Amino acid sequence: FAFHGDRDSVVPTAGTRDMVNAII
């Protein structure tokens, strides 16, 4: 169950998005 803010200025949201999409 991953969470990430869409406007994260510290860690790119793409880091979580890429990982979950790769798992799927």
mmCIF file of all heavy atoms, coordinates in Angstrom:
data_MODEL
# 
_entry.id   MODEL 
# 
loop_
_atom_site.group_PDB 
_atom_site.id 
_atom_site.type_symbol 
_atom_site.label_atom_id 
_atom_site.label_alt_id 
_atom_site.label_comp_id 
_atom_site.label_asym_id 
_atom_site.label_entity_id 
_atom_site.label_seq_id 
_atom_site.pdbx_PDB_ins_code 
_atom_site.Cartn_x 
_atom_site.Cartn_y 
_atom_site.Cartn_z 
_atom_site.occupancy 
_atom_site.B_iso_or_equiv 
_atom_site.pdbx_formal_charge 
_atom_site.auth_seq_id 
_atom_site.auth_comp_id 
_atom_site.auth_asym_id 
_atom_site.auth_atom_id 
_atom_site.pdbx_PDB_model_num 
ATOM 1   N N   . PHE A 1 1  ? 0.886  -1.162 0.000   1.00 0.00 ? 1  PHE A N   1 
ATOM 2   C CA  . PHE A 1 1  ? 0.000  0.000  0.000   1.00 0.00 ? 1  PHE A CA  1 
ATOM 3   C C   . PHE A 1 1  ? 0.924  1.212  0.000   1.00 0.00 ? 1  PHE A C   1 
ATOM 4   O O   . PHE A 1 1  ? 1.504  1.568  1.024   1.00 0.00 ? 1  PHE A O   1 
ATOM 5   C CB  . PHE A 1 1  ? -0.882 -0.007 1.239   1.00 0.00 ? 1  PHE A CB  1 
ATOM 6   C CG  . PHE A 1 1  ? -2.133 0.823  1.146   1.00 0.00 ? 1  PHE A CG  1 
ATOM 7   C CD1 . PHE A 1 1  ? -3.122 0.658  2.094   1.00 0.00 ? 1  PHE A CD1 1 
ATOM 8   C CD2 . PHE A 1 1  ? -2.339 1.764  0.152   1.00 0.00 ? 1  PHE A CD2 1 
ATOM 9   C CE1 . PHE A 1 1  ? -4.298 1.398  2.051   1.00 0.00 ? 1  PHE A CE1 1 
ATOM 10  C CE2 . PHE A 1 1  ? -3.503 2.513  0.095   1.00 0.00 ? 1  PHE A CE2 1 
ATOM 11  C CZ  . PHE A 1 1  ? -4.488 2.328  1.051   1.00 0.00 ? 1  PHE A CZ  1 
ATOM 12  N N   . ALA A 1 2  ? 1.122  1.821  -1.157  1.00 0.00 ? 2  ALA A N   1 
ATOM 13  C CA  . ALA A 1 2  ? 2.065  2.923  -1.306  1.00 0.00 ? 2  ALA A CA  1 
ATOM 14  C C   . ALA A 1 2  ? 1.324  4.259  -1.391  1.00 0.00 ? 2  ALA A C   1 
ATOM 15  O O   . ALA A 1 2  ? 0.264  4.348  -1.996  1.00 0.00 ? 2  ALA A O   1 
ATOM 16  C CB  . ALA A 1 2  ? 2.897  2.719  -2.568  1.00 0.00 ? 2  ALA A CB  1 
ATOM 17  N N   . PHE A 1 3  ? 1.922  5.266  -0.786  1.00 0.00 ? 3  PHE A N   1 
ATOM 18  C CA  . PHE A 1 3  ? 1.386  6.626  -0.812  1.00 0.00 ? 3  PHE A CA  1 
ATOM 19  C C   . PHE A 1 3  ? 2.475  7.566  -1.309  1.00 0.00 ? 3  PHE A C   1 
ATOM 20  O O   . PHE A 1 3  ? 3.654  7.382  -1.007  1.00 0.00 ? 3  PHE A O   1 
ATOM 21  C CB  . PHE A 1 3  ? 0.972  7.081  0.594   1.00 0.00 ? 3  PHE A CB  1 
ATOM 22  C CG  . PHE A 1 3  ? -0.165 6.320  1.184   1.00 0.00 ? 3  PHE A CG  1 
ATOM 23  C CD1 . PHE A 1 3  ? 0.049  5.136  1.873   1.00 0.00 ? 3  PHE A CD1 1 
ATOM 24  C CD2 . PHE A 1 3  ? -1.465 6.782  1.058   1.00 0.00 ? 3  PHE A CD2 1 
ATOM 25  C CE1 . PHE A 1 3  ? -0.999 4.430  2.435   1.00 0.00 ? 3  PHE A CE1 1 
ATOM 26  C CE2 . PHE A 1 3  ? -2.527 6.079  1.614   1.00 0.00 ? 3  PHE A CE2 1 
ATOM 27  C CZ  . PHE A 1 3  ? -2.292 4.910  2.310   1.00 0.00 ? 3  PHE A CZ  1 
ATOM 28  N N   . HIS A 1 4  ? 2.063  8.585  -2.056  1.00 0.00 ? 4  HIS A N   1 
ATOM 29  C CA  . HIS A 1 4  ? 3.009  9.616  -2.502  1.00 0.00 ? 4  HIS A CA  1 
ATOM 30  C C   . HIS A 1 4  ? 2.212  10.846 -2.918  1.00 0.00 ? 4  HIS A C   1 
ATOM 31  O O   . HIS A 1 4  ? 1.210  10.721 -3.617  1.00 0.00 ? 4  HIS A O   1 
ATOM 32  C CB  . HIS A 1 4  ? 3.824  9.109  -3.699  1.00 0.00 ? 4  HIS A CB  1 
ATOM 33  C CG  . HIS A 1 4  ? 5.197  9.689  -3.764  1.00 0.00 ? 4  HIS A CG  1 
ATOM 34  N ND1 . HIS A 1 4  ? 6.323  8.909  -3.874  1.00 0.00 ? 4  HIS A ND1 1 
ATOM 35  C CD2 . HIS A 1 4  ? 5.634  10.974 -3.727  1.00 0.00 ? 4  HIS A CD2 1 
ATOM 36  C CE1 . HIS A 1 4  ? 7.389  9.690  -3.917  1.00 0.00 ? 4  HIS A CE1 1 
ATOM 37  N NE2 . HIS A 1 4  ? 6.995  10.945 -3.833  1.00 0.00 ? 4  HIS A NE2 1 
ATOM 38  N N   . GLY A 1 5  ? 2.645  12.017 -2.495  1.00 0.00 ? 5  GLY A N   1 
ATOM 39  C CA  . GLY A 1 5  ? 1.999  13.266 -2.888  1.00 0.00 ? 5  GLY A CA  1 
ATOM 40  C C   . GLY A 1 5  ? 2.273  13.570 -4.350  1.00 0.00 ? 5  GLY A C   1 
ATOM 41  O O   . GLY A 1 5  ? 3.402  13.395 -4.829  1.00 0.00 ? 5  GLY A O   1 
ATOM 42  N N   . ASP A 1 6  ? 1.257  14.047 -5.059  1.00 0.00 ? 6  ASP A N   1 
ATOM 43  C CA  . ASP A 1 6  ? 1.425  14.331 -6.488  1.00 0.00 ? 6  ASP A CA  1 
ATOM 44  C C   . ASP A 1 6  ? 2.292  15.558 -6.754  1.00 0.00 ? 6  ASP A C   1 
ATOM 45  O O   . ASP A 1 6  ? 2.738  15.769 -7.867  1.00 0.00 ? 6  ASP A O   1 
ATOM 46  C CB  . ASP A 1 6  ? 0.061  14.478 -7.177  1.00 0.00 ? 6  ASP A CB  1 
ATOM 47  C CG  . ASP A 1 6  ? -0.712 15.703 -6.731  1.00 0.00 ? 6  ASP A CG  1 
ATOM 48  O OD1 . ASP A 1 6  ? -0.463 16.227 -5.615  1.00 0.00 ? 6  ASP A OD1 1 
ATOM 49  O OD2 . ASP A 1 6  ? -1.584 16.149 -7.493  1.00 0.00 ? 6  ASP A OD2 1 
ATOM 50  N N   . ARG A 1 7  ? 2.553  16.352 -5.737  1.00 0.00 ? 7  ARG A N   1 
ATOM 51  C CA  . ARG A 1 7  ? 3.377  17.560 -5.886  1.00 0.00 ? 7  ARG A CA  1 
ATOM 52  C C   . ARG A 1 7  ? 4.634  17.501 -5.027  1.00 0.00 ? 7  ARG A C   1 
ATOM 53  O O   . ARG A 1 7  ? 5.143  18.529 -4.591  1.00 0.00 ? 7  ARG A O   1 
ATOM 54  C CB  . ARG A 1 7  ? 2.547  18.792 -5.529  1.00 0.00 ? 7  ARG A CB  1 
ATOM 55  C CG  . ARG A 1 7  ? 1.376  18.999 -6.454  1.00 0.00 ? 7  ARG A CG  1 
ATOM 56  C CD  . ARG A 1 7  ? 0.608  20.233 -6.108  1.00 0.00 ? 7  ARG A CD  1 
ATOM 57  N NE  . ARG A 1 7  ? -0.526 20.378 -7.029  1.00 0.00 ? 7  ARG A NE  1 
ATOM 58  C CZ  . ARG A 1 7  ? -1.399 21.356 -6.967  1.00 0.00 ? 7  ARG A CZ  1 
ATOM 59  N NH1 . ARG A 1 7  ? -1.285 22.286 -6.036  1.00 0.00 ? 7  ARG A NH1 1 
ATOM 60  N NH2 . ARG A 1 7  ? -2.390 21.404 -7.826  1.00 0.00 ? 7  ARG A NH2 1 
ATOM 61  N N   . ASP A 1 8  ? 5.137  16.310 -4.798  1.00 0.00 ? 8  ASP A N   1 
ATOM 62  C CA  . ASP A 1 8  ? 6.302  16.129 -3.931  1.00 0.00 ? 8  ASP A CA  1 
ATOM 63  C C   . ASP A 1 8  ? 7.502  16.842 -4.522  1.00 0.00 ? 8  ASP A C   1 
ATOM 64  O O   . ASP A 1 8  ? 7.920  16.549 -5.646  1.00 0.00 ? 8  ASP A O   1 
ATOM 65  C CB  . ASP A 1 8  ? 6.590  14.639 -3.749  1.00 0.00 ? 8  ASP A CB  1 
ATOM 66  C CG  . ASP A 1 8  ? 7.516  14.347 -2.593  1.00 0.00 ? 8  ASP A CG  1 
ATOM 67  O OD1 . ASP A 1 8  ? 8.487  15.111 -2.389  1.00 0.00 ? 8  ASP A OD1 1 
ATOM 68  O OD2 . ASP A 1 8  ? 7.285  13.360 -1.885  1.00 0.00 ? 8  ASP A OD2 1 
ATOM 69  N N   . SER A 1 9  ? 8.072  17.762 -3.756  1.00 0.00 ? 9  SER A N   1 
ATOM 70  C CA  . SER A 1 9  ? 9.226  18.531 -4.215  1.00 0.00 ? 9  SER A CA  1 
ATOM 71  C C   . SER A 1 9  ? 10.555 17.963 -3.696  1.00 0.00 ? 9  SER A C   1 
ATOM 72  O O   . SER A 1 9  ? 11.612 18.501 -3.999  1.00 0.00 ? 9  SER A O   1 
ATOM 73  C CB  . SER A 1 9  ? 9.084  19.992 -3.769  1.00 0.00 ? 9  SER A CB  1 
ATOM 74  O OG  . SER A 1 9  ? 9.022  20.070 -2.347  1.00 0.00 ? 9  SER A OG  1 
ATOM 75  N N   . VAL A 1 10 ? 10.492 16.883 -2.928  1.00 0.00 ? 10 VAL A N   1 
ATOM 76  C CA  . VAL A 1 10 ? 11.700 16.286 -2.362  1.00 0.00 ? 10 VAL A CA  1 
ATOM 77  C C   . VAL A 1 10 ? 12.033 14.960 -3.048  1.00 0.00 ? 10 VAL A C   1 
ATOM 78  O O   . VAL A 1 10 ? 13.163 14.741 -3.482  1.00 0.00 ? 10 VAL A O   1 
ATOM 79  C CB  . VAL A 1 10 ? 11.545 16.081 -0.835  1.00 0.00 ? 10 VAL A CB  1 
ATOM 80  C CG1 . VAL A 1 10 ? 12.786 15.423 -0.242  1.00 0.00 ? 10 VAL A CG1 1 
ATOM 81  C CG2 . VAL A 1 10 ? 11.254 17.409 -0.147  1.00 0.00 ? 10 VAL A CG2 1 
ATOM 82  N N   . VAL A 1 11 ? 11.053 14.070 -3.116  1.00 0.00 ? 11 VAL A N   1 
ATOM 83  C CA  . VAL A 1 11 ? 11.213 12.771 -3.776  1.00 0.00 ? 11 VAL A CA  1 
ATOM 84  C C   . VAL A 1 11 ? 10.210 12.719 -4.927  1.00 0.00 ? 11 VAL A C   1 
ATOM 85  O O   . VAL A 1 11 ? 9.009  12.849 -4.700  1.00 0.00 ? 11 VAL A O   1 
ATOM 86  C CB  . VAL A 1 11 ? 10.949 11.596 -2.800  1.00 0.00 ? 11 VAL A CB  1 
ATOM 87  C CG1 . VAL A 1 11 ? 11.024 10.263 -3.525  1.00 0.00 ? 11 VAL A CG1 1 
ATOM 88  C CG2 . VAL A 1 11 ? 11.931 11.639 -1.631  1.00 0.00 ? 11 VAL A CG2 1 
ATOM 89  N N   . PRO A 1 12 ? 10.658 12.549 -6.152  1.00 0.00 ? 12 PRO A N   1 
ATOM 90  C CA  . PRO A 1 12 ? 9.729  12.551 -7.285  1.00 0.00 ? 12 PRO A CA  1 
ATOM 91  C C   . PRO A 1 12 ? 8.635  11.489 -7.150  1.00 0.00 ? 12 PRO A C   1 
ATOM 92  O O   . PRO A 1 12 ? 8.923  10.329 -6.850  1.00 0.00 ? 12 PRO A O   1 
ATOM 93  C CB  . PRO A 1 12 ? 10.619 12.250 -8.492  1.00 0.00 ? 12 PRO A CB  1 
ATOM 94  C CG  . PRO A 1 12 ? 12.002 12.601 -8.061  1.00 0.00 ? 12 PRO A CG  1 
ATOM 95  C CD  . PRO A 1 12 ? 12.053 12.346 -6.585  1.00 0.00 ? 12 PRO A CD  1 
ATOM 96  N N   . THR A 1 13 ? 7.413  11.906 -7.372  1.00 0.00 ? 13 THR A N   1 
ATOM 97  C CA  . THR A 1 13 ? 6.270  10.995 -7.330  1.00 0.00 ? 13 THR A CA  1 
ATOM 98  C C   . THR A 1 13 ? 6.475  9.835  -8.295  1.00 0.00 ? 13 THR A C   1 
ATOM 99  O O   . THR A 1 13 ? 6.020  8.714  -8.045  1.00 0.00 ? 13 THR A O   1 
ATOM 100 C CB  . THR A 1 13 ? 4.974  11.759 -7.677  1.00 0.00 ? 13 THR A CB  1 
ATOM 101 O OG1 . THR A 1 13 ? 4.917  12.921 -6.852  1.00 0.00 ? 13 THR A OG1 1 
ATOM 102 C CG2 . THR A 1 13 ? 3.748  10.911 -7.445  1.00 0.00 ? 13 THR A CG2 1 
ATOM 103 N N   . ALA A 1 14 ? 7.159  10.083 -9.371  1.00 0.00 ? 14 ALA A N   1 
ATOM 104 C CA  . ALA A 1 14 ? 7.416  9.041  -10.375 1.00 0.00 ? 14 ALA A CA  1 
ATOM 105 C C   . ALA A 1 14 ? 8.123  7.838  -9.765  1.00 0.00 ? 14 ALA A C   1 
ATOM 106 O O   . ALA A 1 14 ? 7.970  6.718  -10.258 1.00 0.00 ? 14 ALA A O   1 
ATOM 107 C CB  . ALA A 1 14 ? 8.229  9.598  -11.526 1.00 0.00 ? 14 ALA A CB  1 
ATOM 108 N N   . GLY A 1 15 ? 8.881  8.021  -8.672  1.00 0.00 ? 15 GLY A N   1 
ATOM 109 C CA  . GLY A 1 15 ? 9.570  6.897  -8.039  1.00 0.00 ? 15 GLY A CA  1 
ATOM 110 C C   . GLY A 1 15 ? 8.598  5.826  -7.568  1.00 0.00 ? 15 GLY A C   1 
ATOM 111 O O   . GLY A 1 15 ? 8.825  4.638  -7.769  1.00 0.00 ? 15 GLY A O   1 
ATOM 112 N N   . THR A 1 16 ? 7.508  6.243  -6.947  1.00 0.00 ? 16 THR A N   1 
ATOM 113 C CA  . THR A 1 16 ? 6.486  5.289  -6.510  1.00 0.00 ? 16 THR A CA  1 
ATOM 114 C C   . THR A 1 16 ? 5.652  4.829  -7.694  1.00 0.00 ? 16 THR A C   1 
ATOM 115 O O   . THR A 1 16 ? 5.368  3.636  -7.848  1.00 0.00 ? 16 THR A O   1 
ATOM 116 C CB  . THR A 1 16 ? 5.578  5.915  -5.435  1.00 0.00 ? 16 THR A CB  1 
ATOM 117 O OG1 . THR A 1 16 ? 6.385  6.258  -4.296  1.00 0.00 ? 16 THR A OG1 1 
ATOM 118 C CG2 . THR A 1 16 ? 4.476  4.970  -5.006  1.00 0.00 ? 16 THR A CG2 1 
ATOM 119 N N   . ARG A 1 17 ? 5.268  5.757  -8.528  1.00 0.00 ? 17 ARG A N   1 
ATOM 120 C CA  . ARG A 1 17 ? 4.429  5.442  -9.691  1.00 0.00 ? 17 ARG A CA  1 
ATOM 121 C C   . ARG A 1 17 ? 5.124  4.407  -10.578 1.00 0.00 ? 17 ARG A C   1 
ATOM 122 O O   . ARG A 1 17 ? 4.507  3.416  -10.986 1.00 0.00 ? 17 ARG A O   1 
ATOM 123 C CB  . ARG A 1 17 ? 4.135  6.721  -10.471 1.00 0.00 ? 17 ARG A CB  1 
ATOM 124 C CG  . ARG A 1 17 ? 3.028  6.593  -11.486 1.00 0.00 ? 17 ARG A CG  1 
ATOM 125 C CD  . ARG A 1 17 ? 2.814  7.883  -12.260 1.00 0.00 ? 17 ARG A CD  1 
ATOM 126 N NE  . ARG A 1 17 ? 2.498  9.015  -11.424 1.00 0.00 ? 17 ARG A NE  1 
ATOM 127 C CZ  . ARG A 1 17 ? 3.166  10.174 -11.441 1.00 0.00 ? 17 ARG A CZ  1 
ATOM 128 N NH1 . ARG A 1 17 ? 4.190  10.354 -12.257 1.00 0.00 ? 17 ARG A NH1 1 
ATOM 129 N NH2 . ARG A 1 17 ? 2.806  11.163 -10.653 1.00 0.00 ? 17 ARG A NH2 1 
ATOM 130 N N   . ASP A 1 18 ? 6.416  4.604  -10.859 1.00 0.00 ? 18 ASP A N   1 
ATOM 131 C CA  . ASP A 1 18 ? 7.172  3.673  -11.701 1.00 0.00 ? 18 ASP A CA  1 
ATOM 132 C C   . ASP A 1 18 ? 7.208  2.278  -11.090 1.00 0.00 ? 18 ASP A C   1 
ATOM 133 O O   . ASP A 1 18 ? 7.061  1.274  -11.793 1.00 0.00 ? 18 ASP A O   1 
ATOM 134 C CB  . ASP A 1 18 ? 8.608  4.155  -11.904 1.00 0.00 ? 18 ASP A CB  1 
ATOM 135 C CG  . ASP A 1 18 ? 8.726  5.420  -12.733 1.00 0.00 ? 18 ASP A CG  1 
ATOM 136 O OD1 . ASP A 1 18 ? 7.729  5.824  -13.367 1.00 0.00 ? 18 ASP A OD1 1 
ATOM 137 O OD2 . ASP A 1 18 ? 9.823  6.014  -12.727 1.00 0.00 ? 18 ASP A OD2 1 
ATOM 138 N N   . MET A 1 19 ? 7.412  2.221  -9.780  1.00 0.00 ? 19 MET A N   1 
ATOM 139 C CA  . MET A 1 19 ? 7.527  0.928  -9.120  1.00 0.00 ? 19 MET A CA  1 
ATOM 140 C C   . MET A 1 19 ? 6.204  0.174  -9.140  1.00 0.00 ? 19 MET A C   1 
ATOM 141 O O   . MET A 1 19 ? 6.171  -1.015 -9.477  1.00 0.00 ? 19 MET A O   1 
ATOM 142 C CB  . MET A 1 19 ? 8.009  1.127  -7.681  1.00 0.00 ? 19 MET A CB  1 
ATOM 143 C CG  . MET A 1 19 ? 8.500  -0.116 -7.035  1.00 0.00 ? 19 MET A CG  1 
ATOM 144 S SD  . MET A 1 19 ? 9.956  -0.769 -7.908  1.00 0.00 ? 19 MET A SD  1 
ATOM 145 C CE  . MET A 1 19 ? 9.939  -2.431 -7.312  1.00 0.00 ? 19 MET A CE  1 
ATOM 146 N N   . VAL A 1 20 ? 5.122  0.850  -8.790  1.00 0.00 ? 20 VAL A N   1 
ATOM 147 C CA  . VAL A 1 20 ? 3.819  0.180  -8.776  1.00 0.00 ? 20 VAL A CA  1 
ATOM 148 C C   . VAL A 1 20 ? 3.423  -0.242 -10.191 1.00 0.00 ? 20 VAL A C   1 
ATOM 149 O O   . VAL A 1 20 ? 2.946  -1.365 -10.401 1.00 0.00 ? 20 VAL A O   1 
ATOM 150 C CB  . VAL A 1 20 ? 2.749  1.072  -8.122  1.00 0.00 ? 20 VAL A CB  1 
ATOM 151 C CG1 . VAL A 1 20 ? 1.355  0.480  -8.277  1.00 0.00 ? 20 VAL A CG1 1 
ATOM 152 C CG2 . VAL A 1 20 ? 3.075  1.290  -6.640  1.00 0.00 ? 20 VAL A CG2 1 
ATOM 153 N N   . ASN A 1 21 ? 3.662  0.613  -11.171 1.00 0.00 ? 21 ASN A N   1 
ATOM 154 C CA  . ASN A 1 21 ? 3.349  0.233  -12.561 1.00 0.00 ? 21 ASN A CA  1 
ATOM 155 C C   . ASN A 1 21 ? 4.168  -0.963 -13.014 1.00 0.00 ? 21 ASN A C   1 
ATOM 156 O O   . ASN A 1 21 ? 3.665  -1.828 -13.734 1.00 0.00 ? 21 ASN A O   1 
ATOM 157 C CB  . ASN A 1 21 ? 3.554  1.421  -13.501 1.00 0.00 ? 21 ASN A CB  1 
ATOM 158 C CG  . ASN A 1 21 ? 2.486  2.472  -13.346 1.00 0.00 ? 21 ASN A CG  1 
ATOM 159 O OD1 . ASN A 1 21 ? 1.388  2.203  -12.852 1.00 0.00 ? 21 ASN A OD1 1 
ATOM 160 N ND2 . ASN A 1 21 ? 2.785  3.693  -13.761 1.00 0.00 ? 21 ASN A ND2 1 
ATOM 161 N N   . ALA A 1 22 ? 5.421  -1.044 -12.601 1.00 0.00 ? 22 ALA A N   1 
ATOM 162 C CA  . ALA A 1 22 ? 6.271  -2.180 -12.961 1.00 0.00 ? 22 ALA A CA  1 
ATOM 163 C C   . ALA A 1 22 ? 5.754  -3.466 -12.319 1.00 0.00 ? 22 ALA A C   1 
ATOM 164 O O   . ALA A 1 22 ? 5.768  -4.529 -12.946 1.00 0.00 ? 22 ALA A O   1 
ATOM 165 C CB  . ALA A 1 22 ? 7.719  -1.908 -12.558 1.00 0.00 ? 22 ALA A CB  1 
ATOM 166 N N   . ILE A 1 23 ? 5.293  -3.385 -11.082 1.00 0.00 ? 23 ILE A N   1 
ATOM 167 C CA  . ILE A 1 23 ? 4.733  -4.563 -10.400 1.00 0.00 ? 23 ILE A CA  1 
ATOM 168 C C   . ILE A 1 23 ? 3.484  -5.034 -11.133 1.00 0.00 ? 23 ILE A C   1 
ATOM 169 O O   . ILE A 1 23 ? 3.319  -6.234 -11.398 1.00 0.00 ? 23 ILE A O   1 
ATOM 170 C CB  . ILE A 1 23 ? 4.419  -4.241 -8.922  1.00 0.00 ? 23 ILE A CB  1 
ATOM 171 C CG1 . ILE A 1 23 ? 5.721  -4.006 -8.146  1.00 0.00 ? 23 ILE A CG1 1 
ATOM 172 C CG2 . ILE A 1 23 ? 3.591  -5.357 -8.284  1.00 0.00 ? 23 ILE A CG2 1 
ATOM 173 C CD1 . ILE A 1 23 ? 5.521  -3.398 -6.768  1.00 0.00 ? 23 ILE A CD1 1 
ATOM 174 N N   . ILE A 1 24 ? 2.621  -4.112 -11.485 1.00 0.00 ? 24 ILE A N   1 
ATOM 175 C CA  . ILE A 1 24 ? 1.394  -4.455 -12.218 1.00 0.00 ? 24 ILE A CA  1 
ATOM 176 C C   . ILE A 1 24 ? 1.732  -5.068 -13.578 1.00 0.00 ? 24 ILE A C   1 
ATOM 177 O O   . ILE A 1 24 ? 1.129  -6.051 -14.002 1.00 0.00 ? 24 ILE A O   1 
ATOM 178 C CB  . ILE A 1 24 ? 0.478  -3.222 -12.345 1.00 0.00 ? 24 ILE A CB  1 
ATOM 179 C CG1 . ILE A 1 24 ? -0.048 -2.835 -10.955 1.00 0.00 ? 24 ILE A CG1 1 
ATOM 180 C CG2 . ILE A 1 24 ? -0.669 -3.483 -13.317 1.00 0.00 ? 24 ILE A CG2 1 
ATOM 181 C CD1 . ILE A 1 24 ? -0.717 -1.476 -10.902 1.00 0.00 ? 24 ILE A CD1 1 
# 
